[in-house]
PDB file of N, CA and C in Angstrom:
ATOM      1  N   MET A   1     109.889  96.927  28.847  1.00  0.00           N
ATOM      2  CA  MET A   1     110.295  95.975  27.834  1.00  0.00           C
ATOM      3  C   MET A   1     109.078  95.182  27.370  1.00  0.00           C
ATOM      4  N   SER A   2     108.944  95.007  26.060  1.00  0.00           N
ATOM      5  CA  SER A   2     107.815  94.261  25.524  1.00  0.00           C
ATOM      6  C   SER A   2     108.021  92.757  25.750  1.00  0.00           C
ATOM      7  N   LYS A   3     106.951  91.989  25.576  1.00  0.00           N
ATOM      8  CA  LYS A   3     107.048  90.540  25.726  1.00  0.00           C
ATOM      9  C   LYS A   3     108.045  89.969  24.718  1.00  0.00           C
ATOM     10  N   PHE A   4     108.022  90.518  23.504  1.00  0.00           N
ATOM     11  CA  PHE A   4     108.929  90.058  22.450  1.00  0.00           C
ATOM     12  C   PHE A   4     110.380  90.311  22.873  1.00  0.00           C
ATOM     13  N   ASP A   5     110.661  91.520  23.354  1.00  0.00           N
ATOM     14  CA  ASP A   5     112.011  91.862  23.800  1.00  0.00           C
ATOM     15  C   ASP A   5     112.457  90.962  24.949  1.00  0.00           C
ATOM     16  N   ASP A   6     111.526  90.614  25.818  1.00  0.00           N
ATOM     17  CA  ASP A   6     111.816  89.741  26.946  1.00  0.00           C
ATOM     18  C   ASP A   6     112.227  88.347  26.449  1.00  0.00           C
ATOM     19  N   VAL A   7     111.494  87.812  25.480  1.00  0.00           N
ATOM     20  CA  VAL A   7     111.819  86.498  24.919  1.00  0.00           C
ATOM     21  C   VAL A   7     113.198  86.535  24.255  1.00  0.00           C
ATOM     22  N   VAL A   8     113.455  87.578  23.476  1.00  0.00           N
ATOM     23  CA  VAL A   8     114.742  87.713  22.786  1.00  0.00           C
ATOM     24  C   VAL A   8     115.883  87.808  23.805  1.00  0.00           C
ATOM     25  N   ALA A   9     115.693  88.577  24.861  1.00  0.00           N
ATOM     26  CA  ALA A   9     116.720  88.727  25.901  1.00  0.00           C
ATOM     27  C   ALA A   9     116.993  87.394  26.598  1.00  0.00           C
ATOM     28  N   LYS A  10     115.940  86.643  26.901  1.00  0.00           N
ATOM     29  CA  LYS A  10     116.113  85.337  27.555  1.00  0.00           C
ATOM     30  C   LYS A  10     116.813  84.354  26.616  1.00  0.00           C
ATOM     31  N   ALA A  11     116.473  84.397  25.331  1.00  0.00           N
ATOM     32  CA  ALA A  11     117.132  83.518  24.355  1.00  0.00           C
ATOM     33  C   ALA A  11     118.609  83.868  24.227  1.00  0.00           C
ATOM     34  N   ALA A  12     118.930  85.166  24.207  1.00  0.00           N
ATOM     35  CA  ALA A  12     120.327  85.602  24.131  1.00  0.00           C
ATOM     36  C   ALA A  12     121.102  85.126  25.359  1.00  0.00           C
ATOM     37  N   GLU A  13     120.465  85.193  26.513  1.00  0.00           N
ATOM     38  CA  GLU A  13     121.088  84.739  27.752  1.00  0.00           C
ATOM     39  C   GLU A  13     121.339  83.226  27.701  1.00  0.00           C
ATOM     40  N   GLN A  14     120.382  82.485  27.176  1.00  0.00           N
ATOM     41  CA  GLN A  14     120.544  81.039  27.067  1.00  0.00           C
ATOM     42  C   GLN A  14     121.672  80.691  26.084  1.00  0.00           C
ATOM     43  N   LEU A  15     121.748  81.425  24.993  1.00  0.00           N
ATOM     44  CA  LEU A  15     122.827  81.208  24.027  1.00  0.00           C
ATOM     45  C   LEU A  15     124.187  81.511  24.657  1.00  0.00           C
ATOM     46  N   LYS A  16     124.219  82.541  25.484  1.00  0.00           N
ATOM     47  CA  LYS A  16     125.457  82.912  26.180  1.00  0.00           C
ATOM     48  C   LYS A  16     125.930  81.756  27.061  1.00  0.00           C
ATOM     49  N   LYS A  17     124.979  81.043  27.682  1.00  0.00           N
ATOM     50  CA  LYS A  17     125.312  79.907  28.545  1.00  0.00           C
ATOM     51  C   LYS A  17     125.953  78.759  27.767  1.00  0.00           C
ATOM     52  N   VAL A  18     125.648  78.661  26.468  1.00  0.00           N
ATOM     53  CA  VAL A  18     126.237  77.598  25.640  1.00  0.00           C
ATOM     54  C   VAL A  18     127.428  78.120  24.840  1.00  0.00           C
ATOM     55  N   GLY A  19     127.886  79.326  25.176  1.00  0.00           N
ATOM     56  CA  GLY A  19     129.091  79.878  24.564  1.00  0.00           C
ATOM     57  C   GLY A  19     128.894  80.576  23.234  1.00  0.00           C
ATOM     58  N   VAL A  20     127.676  81.054  22.967  1.00  0.00           N
ATOM     59  CA  VAL A  20     127.399  81.733  21.699  1.00  0.00           C
ATOM     60  C   VAL A  20     127.017  83.183  21.970  1.00  0.00           C
ATOM     61  N   LYS A  21     127.732  84.098  21.320  1.00  0.00           N
ATOM     62  CA  LYS A  21     127.347  85.510  21.394  1.00  0.00           C
ATOM     63  C   LYS A  21     126.376  85.748  20.247  1.00  0.00           C
ATOM     64  N   ALA A  22     125.134  86.002  20.577  1.00  0.00           N
ATOM     65  CA  ALA A  22     124.077  86.120  19.571  1.00  0.00           C
ATOM     66  C   ALA A  22     124.119  87.446  18.820  1.00  0.00           C
ATOM     67  N   ASP A  23     123.896  87.365  17.528  1.00  0.00           N
ATOM     68  CA  ASP A  23     123.701  88.556  16.706  1.00  0.00           C
ATOM     69  C   ASP A  23     122.249  88.970  16.925  1.00  0.00           C
ATOM     70  N   ASP A  24     122.048  90.170  17.480  1.00  0.00           N
ATOM     71  CA  ASP A  24     120.710  90.603  17.872  1.00  0.00           C
ATOM     72  C   ASP A  24     119.724  90.630  16.697  1.00  0.00           C
ATOM     73  N   ALA A  25     120.156  91.124  15.548  1.00  0.00           N
ATOM     74  CA  ALA A  25     119.252  91.210  14.391  1.00  0.00           C
ATOM     75  C   ALA A  25     118.816  89.821  13.929  1.00  0.00           C
ATOM     76  N   LEU A  26     119.758  88.877  13.880  1.00  0.00           N
ATOM     77  CA  LEU A  26     119.425  87.507  13.468  1.00  0.00           C
ATOM     78  C   LEU A  26     118.523  86.840  14.499  1.00  0.00           C
ATOM     79  N   LEU A  27     118.833  87.017  15.775  1.00  0.00           N
ATOM     80  CA  LEU A  27     118.021  86.426  16.839  1.00  0.00           C
ATOM     81  C   LEU A  27     116.592  86.964  16.785  1.00  0.00           C
ATOM     82  N   ARG A  28     116.439  88.257  16.572  1.00  0.00           N
ATOM     83  CA  ARG A  28     115.109  88.866  16.459  1.00  0.00           C
ATOM     84  C   ARG A  28     114.359  88.329  15.234  1.00  0.00           C
ATOM     85  N   ALA A  29     115.060  88.160  14.118  1.00  0.00           N
ATOM     86  CA  ALA A  29     114.422  87.652  12.902  1.00  0.00           C
ATOM     87  C   ALA A  29     113.941  86.210  13.095  1.00  0.00           C
ATOM     88  N   ILE A  30     114.750  85.412  13.770  1.00  0.00           N
ATOM     89  CA  ILE A  30     114.350  84.024  14.038  1.00  0.00           C
ATOM     90  C   ILE A  30     113.163  83.996  14.989  1.00  0.00           C
ATOM     91  N   ALA A  31     113.200  84.820  16.019  1.00  0.00           N
ATOM     92  CA  ALA A  31     112.080  84.887  16.968  1.00  0.00           C
ATOM     93  C   ALA A  31     110.803  85.325  16.258  1.00  0.00           C
ATOM     94  N   LYS A  32     110.921  86.333  15.411  1.00  0.00           N
ATOM     95  CA  LYS A  32     109.752  86.834  14.677  1.00  0.00           C
ATOM     96  C   LYS A  32     109.179  85.759  13.762  1.00  0.00           C
ATOM     97  N   SER A  33     110.050  84.952  13.164  1.00  0.00           N
ATOM     98  CA  SER A  33     109.588  83.904  12.248  1.00  0.00           C
ATOM     99  C   SER A  33     108.784  82.821  12.966  1.00  0.00           C
ATOM    100  N   GLN A  34     108.935  82.730  14.278  1.00  0.00           N
ATOM    101  CA  GLN A  34     108.207  81.718  15.053  1.00  0.00           C
ATOM    102  C   GLN A  34     106.785  82.148  15.404  1.00  0.00           C
ATOM    103  N   GLY A  35     106.482  83.427  15.165  1.00  0.00           N
ATOM    104  CA  GLY A  35     105.125  83.915  15.417  1.00  0.00           C
ATOM    105  C   GLY A  35     104.762  83.871  16.894  1.00  0.00           C
ATOM    106  N   PRO A  36     103.471  83.807  17.180  1.00  0.00           N
ATOM    107  CA  PRO A  36     103.016  83.853  18.578  1.00  0.00           C
ATOM    108  C   PRO A  36     103.374  82.617  19.401  1.00  0.00           C
ATOM    109  N   SER A  37     103.876  81.565  18.762  1.00  0.00           N
ATOM    110  CA  SER A  37     104.216  80.358  19.515  1.00  0.00           C
ATOM    111  C   SER A  37     105.325  80.608  20.540  1.00  0.00           C
ATOM    112  N   ILE A  38     106.106  81.670  20.359  1.00  0.00           N
ATOM    113  CA  ILE A  38     107.197  81.949  21.311  1.00  0.00           C
ATOM    114  C   ILE A  38     106.664  82.352  22.686  1.00  0.00           C
ATOM    115  N   TYR A  39     105.376  82.679  22.762  1.00  0.00           N
ATOM    116  CA  TYR A  39     104.773  83.079  24.037  1.00  0.00           C
ATOM    117  C   TYR A  39     104.043  81.932  24.732  1.00  0.00           C
ATOM    118  N   LEU A  40     103.895  80.790  24.054  1.00  0.00           N
ATOM    119  CA  LEU A  40     103.201  79.638  24.621  1.00  0.00           C
ATOM    120  C   LEU A  40     104.214  78.710  25.272  1.00  0.00           C
ATOM    121  N   ARG A  41     104.002  78.392  26.512  1.00  0.00           N
ATOM    122  CA  ARG A  41     104.977  77.625  27.288  1.00  0.00           C
ATOM    123  C   ARG A  41     105.451  76.364  26.569  1.00  0.00           C
ATOM    124  N   ASP A  42     104.552  75.500  26.183  1.00  0.00           N
ATOM    125  CA  ASP A  42     104.946  74.234  25.579  1.00  0.00           C
ATOM    126  C   ASP A  42     105.571  74.431  24.197  1.00  0.00           C
ATOM    127  N   ALA A  43     104.975  75.276  23.390  1.00  0.00           N
ATOM    128  CA  ALA A  43     105.458  75.489  22.023  1.00  0.00           C
ATOM    129  C   ALA A  43     106.790  76.228  21.985  1.00  0.00           C
ATOM    130  N   SER A  44     107.112  76.952  23.042  1.00  0.00           N
ATOM    131  CA  SER A  44     108.331  77.755  23.046  1.00  0.00           C
ATOM    132  C   SER A  44     109.573  76.967  23.474  1.00  0.00           C
ATOM    133  N   LEU A  45     109.379  75.700  23.841  1.00  0.00           N
ATOM    134  CA  LEU A  45     110.488  74.873  24.310  1.00  0.00           C
ATOM    135  C   LEU A  45     110.742  73.684  23.391  1.00  0.00           C
ATOM    136  N   VAL A  46     111.978  73.202  23.392  1.00  0.00           N
ATOM    137  CA  VAL A  46     112.367  72.041  22.593  1.00  0.00           C
ATOM    138  C   VAL A  46     112.914  70.982  23.541  1.00  0.00           C
ATOM    139  N   SER A  47     112.536  69.728  23.292  1.00  0.00           N
ATOM    140  CA  SER A  47     113.035  68.626  24.100  1.00  0.00           C
ATOM    141  C   SER A  47     113.893  67.711  23.238  1.00  0.00           C
ATOM    142  N   CYS A  48     115.171  67.629  23.572  1.00  0.00           N
ATOM    143  CA  CYS A  48     116.070  66.748  22.824  1.00  0.00           C
ATOM    144  C   CYS A  48     115.815  65.276  23.145  1.00  0.00           C
ATOM    145  N   GLY A  49     115.150  65.008  24.257  1.00  0.00           N
ATOM    146  CA  GLY A  49     114.849  63.636  24.649  1.00  0.00           C
ATOM    147  C   GLY A  49     113.613  63.071  23.974  1.00  0.00           C
ATOM    148  N   ASP A  50     112.914  63.888  23.219  1.00  0.00           N
ATOM    149  CA  ASP A  50     111.675  63.478  22.558  1.00  0.00           C
ATOM    150  C   ASP A  50     111.925  63.367  21.051  1.00  0.00           C
ATOM    151  N   ASN A  51     112.027  62.135  20.570  1.00  0.00           N
ATOM    152  CA  ASN A  51     112.327  61.923  19.151  1.00  0.00           C
ATOM    153  C   ASN A  51     111.269  62.513  18.233  1.00  0.00           C
ATOM    154  N   ALA A  52     110.000  62.487  18.658  1.00  0.00           N
ATOM    155  CA  ALA A  52     108.923  63.069  17.836  1.00  0.00           C
ATOM    156  C   ALA A  52     109.123  64.584  17.722  1.00  0.00           C
ATOM    157  N   GLU A  53     109.549  65.214  18.808  1.00  0.00           N
ATOM    158  CA  GLU A  53     109.809  66.660  18.798  1.00  0.00           C
ATOM    159  C   GLU A  53     110.972  66.991  17.863  1.00  0.00           C
ATOM    160  N   LEU A  54     112.033  66.216  17.930  1.00  0.00           N
ATOM    161  CA  LEU A  54     113.186  66.450  17.056  1.00  0.00           C
ATOM    162  C   LEU A  54     112.812  66.237  15.592  1.00  0.00           C
ATOM    163  N   LYS A  55     111.930  65.292  15.331  1.00  0.00           N
ATOM    164  CA  LYS A  55     111.461  65.057  13.958  1.00  0.00           C
ATOM    165  C   LYS A  55     110.663  66.264  13.468  1.00  0.00           C
ATOM    166  N   ARG A  56     109.851  66.859  14.358  1.00  0.00           N
ATOM    167  CA  ARG A  56     109.091  68.065  13.993  1.00  0.00           C
ATOM    168  C   ARG A  56     110.043  69.227  13.696  1.00  0.00           C
ATOM    169  N   VAL A  57     111.089  69.372  14.508  1.00  0.00           N
ATOM    170  CA  VAL A  57     112.085  70.419  14.276  1.00  0.00           C
ATOM    171  C   VAL A  57     112.722  70.197  12.909  1.00  0.00           C
ATOM    172  N   GLU A  58     113.071  68.953  12.641  1.00  0.00           N
ATOM    173  CA  GLU A  58     113.684  68.625  11.351  1.00  0.00           C
ATOM    174  C   GLU A  58     112.737  68.942  10.191  1.00  0.00           C
ATOM    175  N   ASP A  59     111.524  68.417  10.267  1.00  0.00           N
ATOM    176  CA  ASP A  59     110.571  68.584   9.151  1.00  0.00           C
ATOM    177  C   ASP A  59     110.114  70.030   8.974  1.00  0.00           C
ATOM    178  N   ASN A  60     109.685  70.647  10.065  1.00  0.00           N
ATOM    179  CA  ASN A  60     109.056  71.966   9.964  1.00  0.00           C
ATOM    180  C   ASN A  60     110.020  73.140   9.941  1.00  0.00           C
ATOM    181  N   PHE A  61     111.190  72.987  10.518  1.00  0.00           N
ATOM    182  CA  PHE A  61     112.134  74.100  10.524  1.00  0.00           C
ATOM    183  C   PHE A  61     113.309  73.861   9.576  1.00  0.00           C
ATOM    184  N   ILE A  62     114.022  72.775   9.795  1.00  0.00           N
ATOM    185  CA  ILE A  62     115.237  72.558   9.014  1.00  0.00           C
ATOM    186  C   ILE A  62     114.921  72.320   7.533  1.00  0.00           C
ATOM    187  N   VAL A  63     113.957  71.467   7.254  1.00  0.00           N
ATOM    188  CA  VAL A  63     113.645  71.156   5.852  1.00  0.00           C
ATOM    189  C   VAL A  63     112.774  72.239   5.222  1.00  0.00           C
ATOM    190  N   LYS A  64     111.633  72.549   5.851  1.00  0.00           N
ATOM    191  CA  LYS A  64     110.699  73.505   5.239  1.00  0.00           C
ATOM    192  C   LYS A  64     111.189  74.943   5.251  1.00  0.00           C
ATOM    193  N   LYS A  65     111.704  75.419   6.391  1.00  0.00           N
ATOM    194  CA  LYS A  65     112.119  76.826   6.477  1.00  0.00           C
ATOM    195  C   LYS A  65     113.526  77.076   5.972  1.00  0.00           C
ATOM    196  N   LEU A  66     114.445  76.166   6.317  1.00  0.00           N
ATOM    197  CA  LEU A  66     115.832  76.390   5.942  1.00  0.00           C
ATOM    198  C   LEU A  66     116.202  75.743   4.611  1.00  0.00           C
ATOM    199  N   GLY A  67     115.401  74.784   4.173  1.00  0.00           N
ATOM    200  CA  GLY A  67     115.647  74.144   2.880  1.00  0.00           C
ATOM    201  C   GLY A  67     116.783  73.137   2.873  1.00  0.00           C
ATOM    202  N   VAL A  68     117.165  72.629   4.038  1.00  0.00           N
ATOM    203  CA  VAL A  68     118.234  71.636   4.129  1.00  0.00           C
ATOM    204  C   VAL A  68     117.605  70.243   4.047  1.00  0.00           C
ATOM    205  N   THR A  69     118.094  69.415   3.132  1.00  0.00           N
ATOM    206  CA  THR A  69     117.511  68.079   2.969  1.00  0.00           C
ATOM    207  C   THR A  69     118.527  66.956   3.168  1.00  0.00           C
ATOM    208  N   ASP A  70     119.784  67.286   3.318  1.00  0.00           N
ATOM    209  CA  ASP A  70     120.837  66.290   3.517  1.00  0.00           C
ATOM    210  C   ASP A  70     120.695  65.686   4.917  1.00  0.00           C
ATOM    211  N   GLU A  71     120.257  64.416   4.980  1.00  0.00           N
ATOM    212  CA  GLU A  71     119.991  63.752   6.268  1.00  0.00           C
ATOM    213  C   GLU A  71     121.210  63.747   7.191  1.00  0.00           C
ATOM    214  N   ALA A  72     122.386  63.485   6.641  1.00  0.00           N
ATOM    215  CA  ALA A  72     123.597  63.435   7.465  1.00  0.00           C
ATOM    216  C   ALA A  72     123.898  64.807   8.068  1.00  0.00           C
ATOM    217  N   LYS A  73     123.732  65.841   7.277  1.00  0.00           N
ATOM    218  CA  LYS A  73     123.975  67.212   7.739  1.00  0.00           C
ATOM    219  C   LYS A  73     122.954  67.602   8.820  1.00  0.00           C
ATOM    220  N   ILE A  74     121.704  67.211   8.617  1.00  0.00           N
ATOM    221  CA  ILE A  74     120.637  67.498   9.587  1.00  0.00           C
ATOM    222  C   ILE A  74     120.932  66.795  10.910  1.00  0.00           C
ATOM    223  N   LYS A  75     121.252  65.502  10.837  1.00  0.00           N
ATOM    224  CA  LYS A  75     121.522  64.734  12.054  1.00  0.00           C
ATOM    225  C   LYS A  75     122.717  65.322  12.812  1.00  0.00           C
ATOM    226  N   LYS A  76     123.768  65.674  12.087  1.00  0.00           N
ATOM    227  CA  LYS A  76     124.961  66.241  12.714  1.00  0.00           C
ATOM    228  C   LYS A  76     124.620  67.560  13.416  1.00  0.00           C
ATOM    229  N   ALA A  77     123.841  68.420  12.750  1.00  0.00           N
ATOM    230  CA  ALA A  77     123.463  69.715  13.333  1.00  0.00           C
ATOM    231  C   ALA A  77     122.586  69.526  14.571  1.00  0.00           C
ATOM    232  N   LEU A  78     121.618  68.616  14.494  1.00  0.00           N
ATOM    233  CA  LEU A  78     120.748  68.359  15.651  1.00  0.00           C
ATOM    234  C   LEU A  78     121.546  67.778  16.819  1.00  0.00           C
ATOM    235  N   ASP A  79     122.429  66.840  16.517  1.00  0.00           N
ATOM    236  CA  ASP A  79     123.245  66.233  17.574  1.00  0.00           C
ATOM    237  C   ASP A  79     124.127  67.282  18.255  1.00  0.00           C
ATOM    238  N   LYS A  80     124.760  68.133  17.457  1.00  0.00           N
ATOM    239  CA  LYS A  80     125.642  69.162  18.013  1.00  0.00           C
ATOM    240  C   LYS A  80     124.850  70.175  18.841  1.00  0.00           C
ATOM    241  N   THR A  81     123.651  70.537  18.350  1.00  0.00           N
ATOM    242  CA  THR A  81     122.818  71.499  19.067  1.00  0.00           C
ATOM    243  C   THR A  81     122.341  70.910  20.388  1.00  0.00           C
ATOM    244  N   CYS A  82     121.873  69.668  20.366  1.00  0.00           N
ATOM    245  CA  CYS A  82     121.427  69.023  21.610  1.00  0.00           C
ATOM    246  C   CYS A  82     122.582  68.879  22.592  1.00  0.00           C
ATOM    247  N   ALA A  83     123.772  68.564  22.097  1.00  0.00           N
ATOM    248  CA  ALA A  83     124.944  68.439  22.966  1.00  0.00           C
ATOM    249  C   ALA A  83     125.280  69.791  23.609  1.00  0.00           C
ATOM    250  N   ALA A  84     125.195  70.859  22.830  1.00  0.00           N
ATOM    251  CA  ALA A  84     125.503  72.198  23.353  1.00  0.00           C
ATOM    252  C   ALA A  84     124.512  72.606  24.446  1.00  0.00           C
ATOM    253  N   PHE A  85     123.254  72.215  24.288  1.00  0.00           N
ATOM    254  CA  PHE A  85     122.193  72.613  25.220  1.00  0.00           C
ATOM    255  C   PHE A  85     121.935  71.566  26.312  1.00  0.00           C
ATOM    256  N   LYS A  86     122.783  70.537  26.409  1.00  0.00           N
ATOM    257  CA  LYS A  86     122.498  69.417  27.310  1.00  0.00           C
ATOM    258  C   LYS A  86     122.331  69.818  28.770  1.00  0.00           C
ATOM    259  N   ASP A  87     123.012  70.859  29.202  1.00  0.00           N
ATOM    260  CA  ASP A  87     122.918  71.282  30.604  1.00  0.00           C
ATOM    261  C   ASP A  87     121.767  72.251  30.872  1.00  0.00           C
ATOM    262  N   ILE A  88     121.018  72.584  29.824  1.00  0.00           N
ATOM    263  CA  ILE A  88     119.892  73.506  29.984  1.00  0.00           C
ATOM    264  C   ILE A  88     118.607  72.683  29.954  1.00  0.00           C
ATOM    265  N   ARG A  89     117.896  72.713  31.052  1.00  0.00           N
ATOM    266  CA  ARG A  89     116.700  71.893  31.185  1.00  0.00           C
ATOM    267  C   ARG A  89     115.583  72.348  30.244  1.00  0.00           C
ATOM    268  N   GLN A  90     115.308  73.646  30.205  1.00  0.00           N
ATOM    269  CA  GLN A  90     114.236  74.163  29.356  1.00  0.00           C
ATOM    270  C   GLN A  90     114.861  74.926  28.187  1.00  0.00           C
ATOM    271  N   LYS A  91     115.016  74.210  27.089  1.00  0.00           N
ATOM    272  CA  LYS A  91     115.664  74.767  25.909  1.00  0.00           C
ATOM    273  C   LYS A  91     114.676  75.644  25.140  1.00  0.00           C
ATOM    274  N   MET A  92     114.964  76.924  25.062  1.00  0.00           N
ATOM    275  CA  MET A  92     114.073  77.840  24.345  1.00  0.00           C
ATOM    276  C   MET A  92     114.175  77.579  22.844  1.00  0.00           C
ATOM    277  N   ARG A  93     113.042  77.448  22.190  1.00  0.00           N
ATOM    278  CA  ARG A  93     113.011  77.173  20.757  1.00  0.00           C
ATOM    279  C   ARG A  93     113.768  78.247  19.971  1.00  0.00           C
ATOM    280  N   VAL A  94     113.619  79.507  20.354  1.00  0.00           N
ATOM    281  CA  VAL A  94     114.285  80.607  19.644  1.00  0.00           C
ATOM    282  C   VAL A  94     115.808  80.421  19.719  1.00  0.00           C
ATOM    283  N   ALA A  95     116.339  80.125  20.889  1.00  0.00           N
ATOM    284  CA  ALA A  95     117.782  79.919  21.051  1.00  0.00           C
ATOM    285  C   ALA A  95     118.232  78.660  20.316  1.00  0.00           C
ATOM    286  N   PHE A  96     117.451  77.608  20.426  1.00  0.00           N
ATOM    287  CA  PHE A  96     117.758  76.332  19.777  1.00  0.00           C
ATOM    288  C   PHE A  96     117.815  76.510  18.259  1.00  0.00           C
ATOM    289  N   TYR A  97     116.827  77.216  17.709  1.00  0.00           N
ATOM    290  CA  TYR A  97     116.794  77.456  16.267  1.00  0.00           C
ATOM    291  C   TYR A  97     117.942  78.367  15.825  1.00  0.00           C
ATOM    292  N   TYR A  98     118.282  79.343  16.654  1.00  0.00           N
ATOM    293  CA  TYR A  98     119.416  80.219  16.334  1.00  0.00           C
ATOM    294  C   TYR A  98     120.679  79.378  16.181  1.00  0.00           C
ATOM    295  N   PHE A  99     120.908  78.484  17.130  1.00  0.00           N
ATOM    296  CA  PHE A  99     122.086  77.620  17.084  1.00  0.00           C
ATOM    297  C   PHE A  99     122.066  76.770  15.815  1.00  0.00           C
ATOM    298  N   LEU A 100     120.908  76.212  15.471  1.00  0.00           N
ATOM    299  CA  LEU A 100     120.785  75.409  14.246  1.00  0.00           C
ATOM    300  C   LEU A 100     121.073  76.238  12.997  1.00  0.00           C
ATOM    301  N   VAL A 101     120.539  77.442  12.942  1.00  0.00           N
ATOM    302  CA  VAL A 101     120.755  78.319  11.782  1.00  0.00           C
ATOM    303  C   VAL A 101     122.244  78.585  11.604  1.00  0.00           C
ATOM    304  N   LYS A 102     122.934  78.903  12.701  1.00  0.00           N
ATOM    305  CA  LYS A 102     124.373  79.157  12.628  1.00  0.00           C
ATOM    306  C   LYS A 102     125.123  77.884  12.231  1.00  0.00           C
ATOM    307  N   GLU A 103     124.730  76.781  12.809  1.00  0.00           N
ATOM    308  CA  GLU A 103     125.400  75.500  12.531  1.00  0.00           C
ATOM    309  C   GLU A 103     125.251  75.098  11.062  1.00  0.00           C
ATOM    310  N   LEU A 104     124.096  75.378  10.491  1.00  0.00           N
ATOM    311  CA  LEU A 104     123.820  74.997   9.096  1.00  0.00           C
ATOM    312  C   LEU A 104     124.206  76.107   8.107  1.00  0.00           C
ATOM    313  N   GLY A 105     124.662  77.237   8.614  1.00  0.00           N
ATOM    314  CA  GLY A 105     125.075  78.335   7.727  1.00  0.00           C
ATOM    315  C   GLY A 105     123.940  78.943   6.939  1.00  0.00           C
ATOM    316  N   LYS A 106     122.759  79.030   7.545  1.00  0.00           N
ATOM    317  CA  LYS A 106     121.570  79.515   6.846  1.00  0.00           C
ATOM    318  C   LYS A 106     121.114  80.898   7.313  1.00  0.00           C
ATOM    319  N   GLU A 107     122.057  81.722   7.781  1.00  0.00           N
ATOM    320  CA  GLU A 107     121.728  83.061   8.269  1.00  0.00           C
ATOM    321  C   GLU A 107     121.029  83.893   7.192  1.00  0.00           C
ATOM    322  N   SER A 108     121.386  83.665   5.940  1.00  0.00           N
ATOM    323  CA  SER A 108     120.818  84.462   4.837  1.00  0.00           C
ATOM    324  C   SER A 108     119.293  84.288   4.704  1.00  0.00           C
ATOM    325  N   GLN A 109     118.745  83.244   5.266  1.00  0.00           N
ATOM    326  CA  GLN A 109     117.300  83.013   5.220  1.00  0.00           C
ATOM    327  C   GLN A 109     116.539  84.053   6.047  1.00  0.00           C
ATOM    328  N   PHE A 110     117.225  84.725   6.960  1.00  0.00           N
ATOM    329  CA  PHE A 110     116.563  85.633   7.899  1.00  0.00           C
ATOM    330  C   PHE A 110     116.999  87.088   7.758  1.00  0.00           C
ATOM    331  N   VAL A 111     117.737  87.410   6.713  1.00  0.00           N
ATOM    332  CA  VAL A 111     118.217  88.785   6.551  1.00  0.00           C
ATOM    333  C   VAL A 111     117.354  89.546   5.577  1.00  0.00           C
TER     334      VAL A 111
END
Protein backbone atom coordinates (compact mmCIF):
# COMPACT_ATOMS: atom_id res chain seq x y z
CA MET A 1 0.00 0.00 0.00
CA SER A 2 1.32 3.45 -0.90
CA LYS A 3 1.66 6.25 1.65
CA PHE A 4 -1.27 8.02 -0.03
CA ASP A 5 -3.47 4.91 0.24
CA ASP A 6 -2.46 4.56 3.89
CA VAL A 7 -3.54 8.15 4.66
CA VAL A 8 -6.85 7.66 2.82
CA ALA A 9 -7.51 4.38 4.69
CA LYS A 10 -6.78 6.00 8.07
CA ALA A 11 -9.04 8.96 7.21
CA ALA A 12 -11.85 6.58 6.18
CA GLU A 13 -11.42 4.73 9.48
CA GLN A 14 -11.59 8.00 11.42
CA LEU A 15 -14.74 9.02 9.54
CA LYS A 16 -16.25 5.63 10.37
CA LYS A 17 -15.66 6.39 14.07
CA VAL A 18 -17.79 9.55 13.74
CA GLY A 19 -20.55 7.67 11.92
CA VAL A 20 -19.73 8.63 8.32
CA LYS A 21 -19.34 6.10 5.52
CA ALA A 22 -16.84 7.82 3.24
CA ASP A 23 -17.18 7.95 -0.52
CA ASP A 24 -13.75 6.70 -1.61
CA ALA A 25 -13.51 8.87 -4.74
CA LEU A 26 -14.42 12.05 -2.85
CA LEU A 27 -12.09 11.21 0.04
CA ARG A 28 -9.22 10.60 -2.40
CA ALA A 29 -9.94 13.88 -4.21
CA ILE A 30 -9.91 15.83 -0.95
CA ALA A 31 -6.69 14.12 0.15
CA LYS A 32 -5.07 14.86 -3.21
CA SER A 33 -6.10 18.53 -2.96
CA GLN A 34 -4.11 18.82 0.28
CA GLY A 35 -0.85 17.98 -1.49
CA PRO A 36 2.19 16.75 0.43
CA SER A 37 0.97 18.32 3.69
CA ILE A 38 -1.00 15.12 4.39
CA TYR A 39 2.32 13.39 5.14
CA LEU A 40 3.58 16.02 7.63
CA ARG A 41 2.59 15.27 11.20
CA ASP A 42 1.64 18.77 12.30
CA ALA A 43 0.09 19.89 9.00
CA SER A 44 -1.97 16.72 8.68
CA LEU A 45 -3.89 17.34 11.92
CA VAL A 46 -6.56 19.84 12.96
CA SER A 47 -7.07 21.16 16.48
CA CYS A 48 -10.56 22.34 17.38
CA GLY A 49 -9.17 23.85 20.58
CA ASP A 50 -6.94 26.26 18.66
CA ASN A 51 -8.90 29.27 17.41
CA ALA A 52 -6.04 30.33 15.10
CA GLU A 53 -6.11 26.87 13.49
CA LEU A 54 -9.88 27.02 12.98
CA LYS A 55 -9.50 30.48 11.43
CA ARG A 56 -6.92 29.04 8.99
CA VAL A 57 -9.33 26.22 8.11
CA GLU A 58 -12.04 28.80 7.53
CA ASP A 59 -9.89 31.17 5.46
CA ASN A 60 -7.80 28.71 3.47
CA PHE A 61 -10.22 25.85 2.94
CA ILE A 62 -13.82 26.91 3.46
CA VAL A 63 -13.58 30.37 1.89
CA LYS A 64 -10.76 29.99 -0.66
CA LYS A 65 -11.27 26.38 -1.80
CA LEU A 66 -14.96 25.85 -1.23
CA GLY A 67 -16.10 29.41 -1.91
CA VAL A 68 -18.39 29.63 1.14
CA THR A 69 -18.53 33.14 2.61
CA ASP A 70 -21.66 33.04 4.80
CA GLU A 71 -20.23 33.45 8.34
CA ALA A 72 -23.22 31.80 10.03
CA LYS A 73 -23.03 28.78 7.72
CA ILE A 74 -19.25 28.50 8.25
CA LYS A 75 -19.56 28.69 12.05
CA LYS A 76 -22.37 26.11 12.08
CA ALA A 77 -20.35 23.69 9.89
CA LEU A 78 -17.18 24.11 11.99
CA ASP A 79 -19.11 23.67 15.24
CA LYS A 80 -20.84 20.52 13.97
CA THR A 81 -17.57 19.08 12.64
CA CYS A 82 -15.70 19.75 15.89
CA ALA A 83 -18.59 18.22 17.87
CA ALA A 84 -18.53 15.09 15.67
CA PHE A 85 -14.76 14.69 16.14
CA LYS A 86 -14.71 15.62 19.86
CA ASP A 87 -13.75 12.11 21.00
CA ILE A 88 -10.88 11.85 18.52
CA ARG A 89 -7.68 13.28 19.92
CA GLN A 90 -5.74 13.55 16.64
CA LYS A 91 -8.18 14.79 14.03
CA MET A 92 -6.87 14.04 10.55
CA ARG A 93 -7.18 17.06 8.27
CA VAL A 94 -8.34 14.86 5.36
CA ALA A 95 -11.20 13.39 7.43
CA PHE A 96 -12.04 16.77 8.97
CA TYR A 97 -12.21 18.42 5.54
CA TYR A 98 -14.30 15.55 4.16
CA PHE A 99 -16.84 16.12 6.93
CA LEU A 100 -16.86 19.87 6.19
CA VAL A 101 -17.33 19.30 2.45
CA LYS A 102 -20.31 17.03 3.11
CA GLU A 103 -21.74 19.40 5.71
CA LEU A 104 -21.50 22.38 3.34
CA GLY A 105 -22.74 20.41 0.31
CA LYS A 106 -19.63 21.21 -1.73
CA GLU A 107 -18.87 17.73 -3.11
CA SER A 108 -19.03 19.12 -6.66
CA GLN A 109 -15.79 21.05 -6.01
CA PHE A 110 -13.88 17.74 -6.02
CA VAL A 111 -15.51 15.77 -8.84
